[in-house]
N, C-alpha and C. Protein backbone atom coordinates (compact mmCIF):
# COMPACT_ATOMS: atom_id res chain seq x y z
N MET A 1 0.81 -1.22 0.00
CA MET A 1 0.00 0.00 0.00
C MET A 1 0.83 1.26 0.00
N GLY A 2 2.13 1.12 0.29
CA GLY A 2 3.00 2.29 0.26
C GLY A 2 2.56 3.33 1.26
N ASP A 3 2.40 4.58 0.80
CA ASP A 3 2.03 5.67 1.69
C ASP A 3 0.53 5.91 1.70
N ARG A 4 -0.27 4.93 1.29
CA ARG A 4 -1.72 5.08 1.25
C ARG A 4 -2.30 4.94 2.66
N GLN A 5 -2.34 6.07 3.35
CA GLN A 5 -2.81 6.08 4.73
C GLN A 5 -4.33 6.02 4.79
N ASN A 6 -4.84 5.53 5.91
CA ASN A 6 -6.26 5.62 6.21
C ASN A 6 -6.53 6.97 6.86
N CYS A 7 -7.81 7.38 6.87
CA CYS A 7 -8.14 8.73 7.33
C CYS A 7 -7.71 8.98 8.76
N TRP A 8 -7.86 7.97 9.64
CA TRP A 8 -7.49 8.20 11.04
C TRP A 8 -5.98 8.30 11.22
N GLU A 9 -5.22 7.69 10.32
CA GLU A 9 -3.76 7.82 10.36
C GLU A 9 -3.33 9.19 9.85
N PHE A 10 -4.01 9.66 8.83
CA PHE A 10 -3.68 10.95 8.22
C PHE A 10 -4.11 12.10 9.13
N ASN A 11 -5.33 12.07 9.62
CA ASN A 11 -5.88 13.18 10.42
C ASN A 11 -5.58 13.09 11.90
N LYS A 12 -5.15 11.89 12.37
CA LYS A 12 -4.83 11.68 13.79
C LYS A 12 -5.99 12.14 14.68
N CYS A 13 -7.21 11.68 14.32
CA CYS A 13 -8.40 12.07 15.07
C CYS A 13 -8.53 11.33 16.39
N GLY A 14 -7.88 10.17 16.52
CA GLY A 14 -7.96 9.41 17.76
C GLY A 14 -9.25 8.63 17.93
N ARG A 15 -10.04 8.46 16.86
CA ARG A 15 -11.32 7.78 16.98
C ARG A 15 -11.28 6.33 16.48
N GLU A 16 -10.08 5.81 16.19
CA GLU A 16 -9.97 4.40 15.85
C GLU A 16 -10.12 3.56 17.11
N PRO A 17 -10.45 2.26 17.03
CA PRO A 17 -10.55 1.43 18.23
C PRO A 17 -9.28 1.53 19.08
N GLY A 18 -9.44 1.89 20.34
CA GLY A 18 -8.30 2.07 21.23
C GLY A 18 -7.64 3.43 21.12
N GLY A 19 -8.18 4.31 20.27
CA GLY A 19 -7.60 5.63 20.07
C GLY A 19 -7.85 6.56 21.24
N SER A 20 -7.12 7.66 21.28
CA SER A 20 -7.16 8.58 22.42
C SER A 20 -8.51 9.24 22.62
N ARG A 21 -9.32 9.36 21.56
CA ARG A 21 -10.63 10.02 21.68
C ARG A 21 -11.79 9.06 21.46
N ALA A 22 -11.51 7.77 21.36
CA ALA A 22 -12.58 6.80 21.11
C ALA A 22 -13.58 6.76 22.25
N GLY A 23 -13.09 6.91 23.47
CA GLY A 23 -14.00 6.92 24.63
C GLY A 23 -14.81 8.19 24.72
N GLU A 24 -14.23 9.30 24.31
CA GLU A 24 -14.88 10.61 24.41
C GLU A 24 -15.95 10.81 23.34
N THR A 25 -15.66 10.44 22.10
CA THR A 25 -16.58 10.70 20.99
C THR A 25 -17.12 9.44 20.33
N GLY A 26 -16.65 8.28 20.76
CA GLY A 26 -17.06 7.02 20.16
C GLY A 26 -16.14 6.61 19.02
N VAL A 27 -16.12 5.32 18.76
CA VAL A 27 -15.30 4.81 17.66
C VAL A 27 -15.91 5.26 16.34
N CYS A 28 -15.08 5.77 15.46
CA CYS A 28 -15.57 6.29 14.17
C CYS A 28 -16.06 5.14 13.30
N PRO A 29 -17.24 5.29 12.67
CA PRO A 29 -17.77 4.24 11.80
C PRO A 29 -16.85 3.89 10.64
N ALA A 30 -16.04 4.84 10.19
CA ALA A 30 -15.12 4.54 9.08
C ALA A 30 -14.11 3.47 9.45
N THR A 31 -13.77 3.38 10.73
CA THR A 31 -12.76 2.41 11.16
C THR A 31 -13.31 1.00 11.25
N THR A 32 -14.63 0.85 11.23
CA THR A 32 -15.24 -0.47 11.40
C THR A 32 -16.12 -0.88 10.22
N ALA A 33 -16.13 -0.09 9.14
CA ALA A 33 -16.98 -0.38 7.98
C ALA A 33 -16.32 -1.47 7.13
N ILE A 34 -16.49 -2.71 7.55
CA ILE A 34 -15.80 -3.84 6.91
C ILE A 34 -16.18 -3.97 5.43
N SER A 35 -17.42 -3.65 5.09
CA SER A 35 -17.87 -3.81 3.71
C SER A 35 -17.13 -2.89 2.74
N CYS A 36 -16.50 -1.84 3.28
CA CYS A 36 -15.76 -0.89 2.43
C CYS A 36 -14.27 -1.23 2.33
N SER A 37 -13.84 -2.25 3.05
CA SER A 37 -12.41 -2.55 3.10
C SER A 37 -11.87 -2.87 1.72
N GLY A 38 -10.74 -2.30 1.41
CA GLY A 38 -10.12 -2.49 0.11
C GLY A 38 -10.44 -1.40 -0.89
N LEU A 39 -11.50 -0.64 -0.65
CA LEU A 39 -11.84 0.43 -1.58
C LEU A 39 -10.78 1.52 -1.51
N TYR A 40 -10.24 1.86 -2.64
CA TYR A 40 -9.15 2.84 -2.75
C TYR A 40 -7.97 2.46 -1.85
N ASN A 41 -7.78 1.11 -1.70
CA ASN A 41 -6.63 0.56 -0.96
C ASN A 41 -6.66 0.91 0.51
N GLY A 42 -7.84 1.02 1.08
CA GLY A 42 -7.96 1.35 2.50
C GLY A 42 -8.38 0.16 3.35
N ILE A 43 -8.22 0.31 4.66
CA ILE A 43 -8.71 -0.66 5.63
C ILE A 43 -10.10 -0.22 6.08
N ASN A 44 -11.07 -1.14 5.99
CA ASN A 44 -12.47 -0.80 6.28
C ASN A 44 -12.86 0.46 5.49
N GLY A 45 -13.39 1.49 6.16
CA GLY A 45 -13.78 2.70 5.43
C GLY A 45 -12.73 3.79 5.48
N GLY A 46 -11.47 3.41 5.68
CA GLY A 46 -10.42 4.38 5.92
C GLY A 46 -10.06 5.27 4.75
N ARG A 47 -10.47 4.88 3.53
CA ARG A 47 -10.16 5.74 2.37
C ARG A 47 -11.42 6.06 1.57
N ILE A 48 -12.57 5.97 2.26
CA ILE A 48 -13.83 6.41 1.66
C ILE A 48 -14.71 7.00 2.76
N CYS A 49 -14.07 7.68 3.71
CA CYS A 49 -14.75 8.18 4.91
C CYS A 49 -15.81 9.22 4.59
N TRP A 50 -15.68 9.96 3.48
CA TRP A 50 -16.64 11.00 3.13
C TRP A 50 -18.02 10.42 2.79
N ALA A 51 -18.10 9.12 2.53
CA ALA A 51 -19.37 8.49 2.18
C ALA A 51 -19.99 7.74 3.35
N ILE A 52 -19.45 7.93 4.55
CA ILE A 52 -19.91 7.20 5.73
C ILE A 52 -20.43 8.18 6.76
N ALA A 53 -21.65 7.95 7.25
CA ALA A 53 -22.24 8.83 8.26
C ALA A 53 -21.53 8.67 9.60
N GLY A 54 -21.45 9.76 10.35
CA GLY A 54 -20.90 9.72 11.70
C GLY A 54 -19.41 9.94 11.79
N THR A 55 -18.76 10.29 10.68
CA THR A 55 -17.33 10.58 10.71
C THR A 55 -17.12 12.05 11.08
N PHE A 56 -15.89 12.40 11.41
CA PHE A 56 -15.56 13.78 11.71
C PHE A 56 -15.54 14.63 10.44
N ALA A 57 -16.08 15.82 10.50
CA ALA A 57 -15.98 16.79 9.41
C ALA A 57 -15.86 18.16 10.06
N ALA A 58 -14.80 18.87 9.73
CA ALA A 58 -14.54 20.20 10.31
C ALA A 58 -14.48 20.13 11.83
N GLY A 59 -13.89 19.05 12.35
CA GLY A 59 -13.68 18.96 13.79
C GLY A 59 -14.85 18.46 14.60
N ARG A 60 -15.95 18.07 13.95
CA ARG A 60 -17.07 17.52 14.71
C ARG A 60 -17.70 16.38 13.92
N ILE A 61 -18.51 15.59 14.59
CA ILE A 61 -19.14 14.45 13.94
C ILE A 61 -20.20 14.95 12.97
N SER A 62 -20.15 14.45 11.74
CA SER A 62 -21.08 14.91 10.70
C SER A 62 -22.27 13.97 10.61
N GLY A 63 -23.29 14.44 9.92
CA GLY A 63 -24.43 13.59 9.61
C GLY A 63 -24.12 12.71 8.43
N ALA A 64 -25.17 12.18 7.82
CA ALA A 64 -24.97 11.28 6.69
C ALA A 64 -24.32 12.00 5.52
N TYR A 65 -23.27 11.36 4.99
CA TYR A 65 -22.62 11.82 3.78
C TYR A 65 -22.11 13.26 3.87
N ALA A 66 -21.43 13.58 4.95
CA ALA A 66 -20.73 14.87 5.07
C ALA A 66 -21.63 16.04 4.69
N ARG A 67 -22.70 16.23 5.43
CA ARG A 67 -23.69 17.25 5.10
C ARG A 67 -23.11 18.66 5.04
N GLU A 68 -22.05 18.90 5.80
CA GLU A 68 -21.53 20.26 5.89
C GLU A 68 -20.63 20.64 4.71
N PHE A 69 -20.47 19.72 3.76
CA PHE A 69 -19.61 19.97 2.58
C PHE A 69 -18.14 20.12 2.97
N SER A 70 -17.79 19.81 4.22
CA SER A 70 -16.41 19.97 4.64
C SER A 70 -15.46 19.10 3.83
N CYS A 71 -15.95 17.98 3.33
CA CYS A 71 -15.08 17.08 2.59
C CYS A 71 -14.50 17.73 1.34
N LEU A 72 -15.19 18.69 0.78
CA LEU A 72 -14.69 19.32 -0.43
C LEU A 72 -13.36 20.02 -0.20
N ASN A 73 -13.10 20.44 1.04
CA ASN A 73 -11.87 21.16 1.35
C ASN A 73 -10.90 20.31 2.18
N CYS A 74 -11.15 19.01 2.25
CA CYS A 74 -10.35 18.14 3.11
C CYS A 74 -9.05 17.73 2.42
N ASP A 75 -7.93 17.90 3.11
CA ASP A 75 -6.63 17.52 2.56
C ASP A 75 -6.55 16.01 2.33
N PHE A 76 -7.24 15.24 3.17
CA PHE A 76 -7.19 13.79 3.00
C PHE A 76 -7.91 13.37 1.73
N LEU A 77 -9.07 13.97 1.44
CA LEU A 77 -9.76 13.65 0.20
C LEU A 77 -8.90 13.99 -1.00
N ARG A 78 -8.22 15.14 -0.93
CA ARG A 78 -7.33 15.52 -2.03
C ARG A 78 -6.20 14.50 -2.21
N LYS A 79 -5.73 13.97 -1.09
CA LYS A 79 -4.65 12.98 -1.15
C LYS A 79 -5.13 11.68 -1.81
N VAL A 80 -6.35 11.25 -1.46
CA VAL A 80 -6.91 10.05 -2.09
C VAL A 80 -7.08 10.28 -3.59
N CYS A 81 -7.58 11.46 -3.95
CA CYS A 81 -7.72 11.79 -5.38
C CYS A 81 -6.38 11.65 -6.10
N LYS A 82 -5.33 12.18 -5.49
CA LYS A 82 -4.01 12.14 -6.11
C LYS A 82 -3.48 10.71 -6.15
N ASP A 83 -3.61 9.99 -5.03
CA ASP A 83 -3.10 8.62 -4.95
C ASP A 83 -3.76 7.72 -5.99
N GLU A 84 -5.07 7.87 -6.16
CA GLU A 84 -5.83 6.97 -7.02
C GLU A 84 -6.00 7.52 -8.43
N ASN A 85 -5.46 8.71 -8.69
CA ASN A 85 -5.49 9.30 -10.03
C ASN A 85 -6.91 9.51 -10.54
N ILE A 86 -7.79 10.00 -9.65
CA ILE A 86 -9.17 10.33 -10.02
C ILE A 86 -9.33 11.83 -9.83
N CYS A 87 -9.22 12.57 -10.91
CA CYS A 87 -9.07 14.02 -10.82
C CYS A 87 -10.34 14.72 -10.34
N LYS A 88 -11.50 14.20 -10.67
CA LYS A 88 -12.75 14.88 -10.36
C LYS A 88 -13.52 14.20 -9.23
N PHE A 89 -12.84 13.42 -8.42
CA PHE A 89 -13.52 12.63 -7.40
C PHE A 89 -14.24 13.49 -6.38
N ASP A 90 -13.75 14.71 -6.13
CA ASP A 90 -14.38 15.57 -5.13
C ASP A 90 -15.82 15.91 -5.49
N GLN A 91 -16.19 15.76 -6.74
CA GLN A 91 -17.56 16.08 -7.14
C GLN A 91 -18.56 15.07 -6.62
N LEU A 92 -18.10 13.94 -6.12
CA LEU A 92 -19.02 12.95 -5.57
C LEU A 92 -19.67 13.41 -4.27
N THR A 93 -19.04 14.32 -3.53
CA THR A 93 -19.57 14.70 -2.22
C THR A 93 -20.98 15.25 -2.28
N PRO A 94 -21.30 16.22 -3.15
CA PRO A 94 -22.68 16.69 -3.18
C PRO A 94 -23.66 15.63 -3.67
N TYR A 95 -23.19 14.66 -4.47
CA TYR A 95 -24.08 13.56 -4.86
C TYR A 95 -24.49 12.77 -3.63
N ARG A 96 -23.54 12.49 -2.76
CA ARG A 96 -23.84 11.71 -1.56
C ARG A 96 -24.83 12.46 -0.67
N ILE A 97 -24.73 13.77 -0.64
CA ILE A 97 -25.66 14.56 0.16
C ILE A 97 -27.06 14.49 -0.44
N TYR A 98 -27.14 14.52 -1.75
CA TYR A 98 -28.44 14.54 -2.41
C TYR A 98 -29.24 13.30 -2.05
N ASN A 99 -28.72 12.14 -2.37
CA ASN A 99 -29.41 10.89 -2.07
C ASN A 99 -28.59 9.76 -2.68
N ASN A 100 -28.52 8.65 -1.98
CA ASN A 100 -27.76 7.52 -2.50
C ASN A 100 -28.62 6.62 -3.37
N SER A 101 -29.89 6.96 -3.55
CA SER A 101 -30.76 6.16 -4.39
C SER A 101 -31.17 6.97 -5.61
N SER A 102 -31.58 6.28 -6.65
CA SER A 102 -31.94 6.96 -7.89
C SER A 102 -33.41 6.79 -8.19
N ARG A 103 -33.99 7.81 -8.78
CA ARG A 103 -35.39 7.73 -9.18
C ARG A 103 -35.61 6.65 -10.23
N MET A 104 -34.54 6.24 -10.91
CA MET A 104 -34.66 5.24 -11.97
C MET A 104 -34.48 3.82 -11.45
N PHE A 105 -34.20 3.64 -10.16
CA PHE A 105 -33.78 2.34 -9.64
C PHE A 105 -34.78 1.23 -9.99
N GLY A 106 -36.07 1.48 -9.76
CA GLY A 106 -37.06 0.44 -9.97
C GLY A 106 -37.38 0.16 -11.43
N ARG A 107 -36.87 0.96 -12.34
CA ARG A 107 -37.20 0.80 -13.75
C ARG A 107 -36.01 0.34 -14.59
N ARG A 108 -34.90 0.01 -13.97
CA ARG A 108 -33.72 -0.37 -14.73
C ARG A 108 -33.79 -1.82 -15.17
N GLU A 109 -33.37 -2.06 -16.41
CA GLU A 109 -33.33 -3.42 -16.94
C GLU A 109 -32.09 -4.15 -16.47
N PHE A 110 -30.98 -3.42 -16.29
CA PHE A 110 -29.71 -4.02 -15.89
C PHE A 110 -29.23 -3.42 -14.57
N MET A 111 -28.52 -4.24 -13.81
CA MET A 111 -27.95 -3.79 -12.54
C MET A 111 -26.90 -2.72 -12.77
N ARG A 112 -26.84 -1.74 -11.89
CA ARG A 112 -25.79 -0.73 -11.91
C ARG A 112 -24.81 -1.01 -10.78
N ILE A 113 -23.53 -0.78 -11.04
CA ILE A 113 -22.49 -0.96 -10.03
C ILE A 113 -21.74 0.36 -9.87
N ASP A 114 -21.47 0.76 -8.62
CA ASP A 114 -20.73 1.99 -8.37
C ASP A 114 -19.35 1.93 -9.02
N VAL A 115 -19.02 2.95 -9.79
CA VAL A 115 -17.68 3.07 -10.35
C VAL A 115 -17.45 4.54 -10.66
N HIS A 116 -16.28 5.05 -10.30
CA HIS A 116 -16.01 6.48 -10.38
C HIS A 116 -14.89 6.73 -11.39
N LEU A 117 -15.28 7.23 -12.56
CA LEU A 117 -14.35 7.49 -13.66
C LEU A 117 -14.51 8.92 -14.14
N ASP A 118 -13.39 9.57 -14.43
CA ASP A 118 -13.44 10.93 -14.96
C ASP A 118 -14.11 10.95 -16.32
N LEU A 119 -14.88 12.01 -16.57
CA LEU A 119 -15.49 12.18 -17.89
C LEU A 119 -15.55 13.66 -18.25
N LYS A 120 -15.72 13.93 -19.53
CA LYS A 120 -15.99 15.29 -19.98
C LYS A 120 -16.90 15.22 -21.20
N PHE A 121 -17.64 16.30 -21.43
CA PHE A 121 -18.57 16.33 -22.54
C PHE A 121 -18.90 17.77 -22.88
N SER A 122 -19.60 17.98 -23.97
CA SER A 122 -20.05 19.30 -24.38
C SER A 122 -21.55 19.27 -24.61
N ILE A 123 -22.20 20.39 -24.33
CA ILE A 123 -23.63 20.52 -24.55
C ILE A 123 -23.87 21.59 -25.61
N ALA A 124 -24.57 21.23 -26.66
CA ALA A 124 -24.87 22.19 -27.72
C ALA A 124 -25.72 23.32 -27.16
N GLY A 125 -25.32 24.55 -27.43
CA GLY A 125 -26.08 25.71 -26.98
C GLY A 125 -25.67 26.26 -25.64
N ASP A 126 -24.77 25.55 -24.91
CA ASP A 126 -24.28 26.06 -23.62
C ASP A 126 -22.97 26.79 -23.89
N ALA A 127 -23.07 28.10 -24.10
CA ALA A 127 -21.90 28.89 -24.51
C ALA A 127 -20.92 29.13 -23.37
N ARG A 128 -21.28 28.77 -22.13
CA ARG A 128 -20.41 29.05 -20.99
C ARG A 128 -19.24 28.08 -20.92
N HIS A 129 -19.37 26.90 -21.52
CA HIS A 129 -18.36 25.87 -21.36
C HIS A 129 -17.96 25.29 -22.72
N ASN A 130 -16.66 25.17 -22.97
CA ASN A 130 -16.19 24.36 -24.09
C ASN A 130 -16.35 22.89 -23.74
N HIS A 131 -15.98 22.56 -22.50
CA HIS A 131 -16.14 21.21 -21.99
C HIS A 131 -16.68 21.27 -20.57
N ILE A 132 -17.48 20.29 -20.21
CA ILE A 132 -18.00 20.16 -18.86
C ILE A 132 -17.36 18.91 -18.26
N TYR A 133 -16.84 19.03 -17.04
CA TYR A 133 -16.12 17.94 -16.41
C TYR A 133 -16.94 17.33 -15.29
N GLY A 134 -16.78 16.03 -15.13
CA GLY A 134 -17.52 15.34 -14.07
C GLY A 134 -16.91 13.99 -13.76
N VAL A 135 -17.69 13.17 -13.05
CA VAL A 135 -17.24 11.83 -12.69
C VAL A 135 -18.46 10.92 -12.67
N THR A 136 -18.29 9.68 -13.15
CA THR A 136 -19.40 8.74 -13.13
C THR A 136 -19.69 8.31 -11.69
N ILE A 137 -20.95 7.96 -11.44
CA ILE A 137 -21.36 7.45 -10.12
C ILE A 137 -21.55 5.94 -10.19
N ASP A 138 -22.26 5.50 -11.21
CA ASP A 138 -22.46 4.07 -11.41
C ASP A 138 -22.52 3.78 -12.91
N PHE A 139 -22.45 2.48 -13.22
CA PHE A 139 -22.37 2.10 -14.64
C PHE A 139 -23.03 0.73 -14.80
N GLY A 140 -23.75 0.56 -15.90
CA GLY A 140 -24.37 -0.71 -16.22
C GLY A 140 -24.38 -0.92 -17.72
N CYS A 141 -24.92 -2.06 -18.16
CA CYS A 141 -24.93 -2.37 -19.59
C CYS A 141 -25.72 -1.34 -20.39
N GLY A 142 -26.78 -0.81 -19.79
CA GLY A 142 -27.65 0.08 -20.54
C GLY A 142 -27.44 1.56 -20.32
N GLY A 143 -26.69 1.92 -19.28
CA GLY A 143 -26.53 3.34 -18.99
C GLY A 143 -25.64 3.61 -17.81
N PHE A 144 -25.53 4.88 -17.45
CA PHE A 144 -24.73 5.28 -16.30
C PHE A 144 -25.27 6.60 -15.77
N SER A 145 -24.88 6.93 -14.54
CA SER A 145 -25.19 8.26 -14.00
C SER A 145 -23.90 8.94 -13.62
N PHE A 146 -23.95 10.26 -13.54
CA PHE A 146 -22.75 11.02 -13.26
C PHE A 146 -23.11 12.31 -12.53
N ILE A 147 -22.11 12.93 -11.93
CA ILE A 147 -22.26 14.27 -11.38
C ILE A 147 -21.18 15.14 -12.01
N SER A 148 -21.53 16.40 -12.29
CA SER A 148 -20.62 17.25 -13.04
C SER A 148 -20.80 18.70 -12.65
N GLU A 149 -19.99 19.55 -13.26
CA GLU A 149 -20.23 20.98 -13.19
C GLU A 149 -21.63 21.27 -13.72
N HIS A 150 -22.19 22.39 -13.30
CA HIS A 150 -23.53 22.74 -13.74
C HIS A 150 -23.56 22.97 -15.24
N PHE A 151 -24.62 22.49 -15.89
CA PHE A 151 -24.79 22.75 -17.32
C PHE A 151 -26.27 22.97 -17.62
N MET A 152 -26.51 23.67 -18.69
CA MET A 152 -27.87 23.96 -19.11
C MET A 152 -28.49 22.71 -19.74
N PRO A 153 -29.83 22.60 -19.68
CA PRO A 153 -30.47 21.42 -20.28
C PRO A 153 -30.13 21.30 -21.75
N SER A 154 -29.94 20.08 -22.20
CA SER A 154 -29.62 19.84 -23.60
C SER A 154 -30.90 19.58 -24.39
N SER A 155 -30.80 19.77 -25.68
CA SER A 155 -31.91 19.40 -26.54
C SER A 155 -31.96 17.88 -26.68
N LYS A 156 -33.06 17.38 -27.17
CA LYS A 156 -33.20 15.94 -27.35
C LYS A 156 -32.12 15.43 -28.30
N GLY A 157 -31.66 14.21 -28.01
CA GLY A 157 -30.64 13.63 -28.86
C GLY A 157 -29.42 13.24 -28.07
N PRO A 158 -28.52 12.49 -28.67
CA PRO A 158 -27.34 11.99 -27.95
C PRO A 158 -26.31 13.06 -27.66
N VAL A 159 -25.60 12.85 -26.55
CA VAL A 159 -24.45 13.67 -26.16
C VAL A 159 -23.23 12.77 -26.21
N LYS A 160 -22.11 13.31 -26.66
CA LYS A 160 -20.89 12.53 -26.73
C LYS A 160 -20.04 12.78 -25.49
N TYR A 161 -19.67 11.69 -24.80
CA TYR A 161 -18.87 11.75 -23.59
C TYR A 161 -17.50 11.12 -23.84
N ARG A 162 -16.52 11.66 -23.16
CA ARG A 162 -15.17 11.09 -23.20
C ARG A 162 -14.87 10.60 -21.79
N ILE A 163 -14.76 9.28 -21.60
CA ILE A 163 -14.59 8.67 -20.28
C ILE A 163 -13.21 8.05 -20.18
N LYS A 164 -12.54 8.36 -19.08
CA LYS A 164 -11.20 7.79 -18.84
C LYS A 164 -11.35 6.35 -18.37
N LEU A 165 -10.69 5.43 -19.06
CA LEU A 165 -10.78 4.02 -18.71
C LEU A 165 -9.98 3.71 -17.45
N PRO A 166 -10.44 2.74 -16.64
CA PRO A 166 -9.75 2.42 -15.39
C PRO A 166 -8.40 1.78 -15.64
N GLY A 167 -7.44 2.16 -14.81
CA GLY A 167 -6.15 1.51 -14.83
C GLY A 167 -5.16 2.01 -15.86
N ASN A 168 -5.53 2.97 -16.69
CA ASN A 168 -4.58 3.52 -17.65
C ASN A 168 -5.01 4.93 -18.00
N ASN A 169 -4.26 5.55 -18.91
CA ASN A 169 -4.54 6.94 -19.26
C ASN A 169 -5.27 7.07 -20.59
N THR A 170 -5.87 5.99 -21.08
CA THR A 170 -6.62 6.07 -22.33
C THR A 170 -8.08 6.41 -22.05
N CYS A 171 -8.74 6.91 -23.07
CA CYS A 171 -10.14 7.31 -22.94
C CYS A 171 -10.96 6.62 -24.02
N THR A 172 -12.25 6.48 -23.76
CA THR A 172 -13.17 5.95 -24.76
C THR A 172 -14.30 6.94 -24.97
N HIS A 173 -14.91 6.88 -26.13
CA HIS A 173 -16.02 7.77 -26.45
C HIS A 173 -17.33 7.04 -26.27
N VAL A 174 -18.27 7.69 -25.61
CA VAL A 174 -19.59 7.12 -25.35
C VAL A 174 -20.63 8.09 -25.88
N SER A 175 -21.61 7.57 -26.56
CA SER A 175 -22.74 8.37 -27.02
C SER A 175 -23.97 7.97 -26.22
N GLY A 176 -24.67 8.95 -25.69
CA GLY A 176 -25.85 8.62 -24.89
C GLY A 176 -26.79 9.80 -24.72
N GLU A 177 -28.04 9.48 -24.42
CA GLU A 177 -29.07 10.51 -24.22
C GLU A 177 -29.29 10.74 -22.72
N ILE A 178 -29.30 12.00 -22.32
CA ILE A 178 -29.60 12.34 -20.93
C ILE A 178 -31.10 12.15 -20.71
N VAL A 179 -31.45 11.19 -19.84
CA VAL A 179 -32.87 10.87 -19.64
C VAL A 179 -33.44 11.53 -18.39
N TRP A 180 -32.59 11.95 -17.47
CA TRP A 180 -33.02 12.75 -16.33
C TRP A 180 -31.86 13.58 -15.81
N LYS A 181 -32.17 14.68 -15.17
CA LYS A 181 -31.15 15.60 -14.67
C LYS A 181 -31.71 16.34 -13.46
N THR A 182 -30.90 16.44 -12.41
CA THR A 182 -31.28 17.16 -11.19
C THR A 182 -30.15 18.10 -10.80
N GLU A 183 -30.49 19.31 -10.41
CA GLU A 183 -29.48 20.26 -9.95
C GLU A 183 -29.23 20.05 -8.47
N VAL A 184 -27.95 19.95 -8.10
CA VAL A 184 -27.53 19.77 -6.71
C VAL A 184 -26.60 20.93 -6.38
N ARG A 185 -27.18 22.03 -5.88
CA ARG A 185 -26.42 23.25 -5.63
C ARG A 185 -25.72 23.69 -6.93
N ASP A 186 -24.39 23.72 -6.93
CA ASP A 186 -23.68 24.19 -8.13
C ASP A 186 -23.26 23.04 -9.04
N ARG A 187 -23.85 21.88 -8.84
CA ARG A 187 -23.53 20.71 -9.65
C ARG A 187 -24.80 20.17 -10.30
N CYS A 188 -24.63 19.24 -11.22
CA CYS A 188 -25.76 18.55 -11.84
C CYS A 188 -25.57 17.04 -11.70
N LEU A 189 -26.63 16.37 -11.31
CA LEU A 189 -26.68 14.91 -11.24
C LEU A 189 -27.56 14.46 -12.40
N ALA A 190 -27.07 13.51 -13.21
CA ALA A 190 -27.81 13.13 -14.41
C ALA A 190 -27.66 11.65 -14.71
N GLY A 191 -28.65 11.13 -15.44
CA GLY A 191 -28.63 9.74 -15.88
C GLY A 191 -28.59 9.67 -17.39
N VAL A 192 -27.85 8.72 -17.93
CA VAL A 192 -27.63 8.61 -19.36
C VAL A 192 -28.02 7.21 -19.84
N LYS A 193 -28.76 7.16 -20.92
CA LYS A 193 -29.03 5.91 -21.63
C LYS A 193 -27.99 5.77 -22.74
N ILE A 194 -27.18 4.70 -22.66
CA ILE A 194 -26.10 4.51 -23.63
C ILE A 194 -26.68 4.17 -24.99
N MET A 195 -26.19 4.88 -26.01
CA MET A 195 -26.61 4.62 -27.39
C MET A 195 -25.45 4.12 -28.24
N GLY A 196 -24.23 4.36 -27.78
CA GLY A 196 -23.07 3.89 -28.53
C GLY A 196 -21.84 3.80 -27.64
N LEU A 197 -21.24 2.60 -27.53
CA LEU A 197 -20.03 2.40 -26.73
C LEU A 197 -19.33 1.15 -27.25
N ASN A 198 -18.04 1.27 -27.49
CA ASN A 198 -17.22 0.15 -27.93
C ASN A 198 -17.35 -1.03 -26.95
N ASP A 199 -17.57 -2.24 -27.48
CA ASP A 199 -17.78 -3.41 -26.63
C ASP A 199 -16.60 -3.69 -25.71
N ASP A 200 -15.37 -3.52 -26.22
CA ASP A 200 -14.19 -3.77 -25.39
C ASP A 200 -14.12 -2.78 -24.24
N ALA A 201 -14.43 -1.50 -24.52
CA ALA A 201 -14.40 -0.49 -23.47
C ALA A 201 -15.48 -0.76 -22.42
N LYS A 202 -16.67 -1.14 -22.87
CA LYS A 202 -17.75 -1.47 -21.93
C LYS A 202 -17.34 -2.64 -21.04
N ARG A 203 -16.71 -3.64 -21.62
CA ARG A 203 -16.25 -4.80 -20.85
C ARG A 203 -15.20 -4.39 -19.83
N ASP A 204 -14.27 -3.53 -20.23
CA ASP A 204 -13.24 -3.07 -19.30
C ASP A 204 -13.85 -2.34 -18.10
N ILE A 205 -14.81 -1.46 -18.37
CA ILE A 205 -15.44 -0.68 -17.29
C ILE A 205 -16.22 -1.60 -16.36
N LEU A 206 -17.03 -2.49 -16.92
CA LEU A 206 -17.87 -3.37 -16.10
C LEU A 206 -17.04 -4.38 -15.32
N ASP A 207 -15.98 -4.91 -15.93
CA ASP A 207 -15.09 -5.83 -15.21
C ASP A 207 -14.44 -5.13 -14.02
N TYR A 208 -14.00 -3.90 -14.24
CA TYR A 208 -13.37 -3.12 -13.17
C TYR A 208 -14.37 -2.84 -12.06
N ALA A 209 -15.59 -2.41 -12.42
CA ALA A 209 -16.61 -2.11 -11.42
C ALA A 209 -17.00 -3.35 -10.64
N TYR A 210 -17.19 -4.46 -11.34
CA TYR A 210 -17.62 -5.69 -10.68
C TYR A 210 -16.54 -6.21 -9.74
N SER A 211 -15.28 -6.15 -10.15
CA SER A 211 -14.20 -6.66 -9.30
C SER A 211 -14.09 -5.87 -8.01
N ARG A 212 -14.32 -4.56 -8.07
CA ARG A 212 -14.28 -3.74 -6.86
C ARG A 212 -15.47 -4.05 -5.96
N TRP A 213 -16.64 -4.22 -6.57
CA TRP A 213 -17.84 -4.56 -5.79
C TRP A 213 -17.67 -5.92 -5.12
N LEU A 214 -17.17 -6.91 -5.87
CA LEU A 214 -17.01 -8.25 -5.34
C LEU A 214 -16.00 -8.27 -4.20
N LYS A 215 -14.96 -7.47 -4.32
CA LYS A 215 -13.94 -7.40 -3.27
C LYS A 215 -14.56 -6.93 -1.96
N GLY A 216 -15.45 -5.94 -2.03
CA GLY A 216 -16.12 -5.45 -0.84
C GLY A 216 -17.06 -6.47 -0.25
N VAL A 217 -17.81 -7.20 -1.10
CA VAL A 217 -18.76 -8.20 -0.62
C VAL A 217 -18.04 -9.33 0.10
N ARG A 218 -16.92 -9.77 -0.43
CA ARG A 218 -16.18 -10.88 0.18
C ARG A 218 -15.66 -10.54 1.57
N LEU A 219 -15.48 -9.25 1.84
CA LEU A 219 -14.94 -8.84 3.13
C LEU A 219 -16.02 -8.52 4.15
N GLN A 220 -17.29 -8.64 3.77
CA GLN A 220 -18.37 -8.36 4.72
C GLN A 220 -18.47 -9.47 5.76
């Protein structure tokens, strides 16, 4: 793991089991979230603490999914972004605040698996941006959802996305229609129905997402 520290090692909060503040404030849920172990090379929830309720944020215990937005300015989150080479990962924080469930959940034909990959795209008629940057939230055979910088609604029809493939610096092009969109403060949360994606690229993304999901399940 090299220098890939867990949050309690980096922040020295003392809330790990047996830590100096565990008796005063309770053991932090990130230290005992076994189902998250291995994610971003951490122990339990040690490298995905921003997605776990009851962790410290700005010096106090936060509610579900870092409600105070403190994670956006956290040095540890920036370190995980750098370590794991996910440039837009910080955009996930307002998604977690919004809701961890999707309005499309009950109507999906294929299962979605959480996977966080950098993406960029352009919207016709939005003169404010040459490119809009974001990160995927989940991915499936038929579509994906993402959170990004704010953008104006697009006209009907496909949008072309450039998604960074896991494990290397290559990108693939995806064509898809935005089927729903929600504004989350200064960000947008959206769902895409895939209309065009190279089969090899789709396999690479789904294999990567599934292997990470399976790793977490085995450790529960």
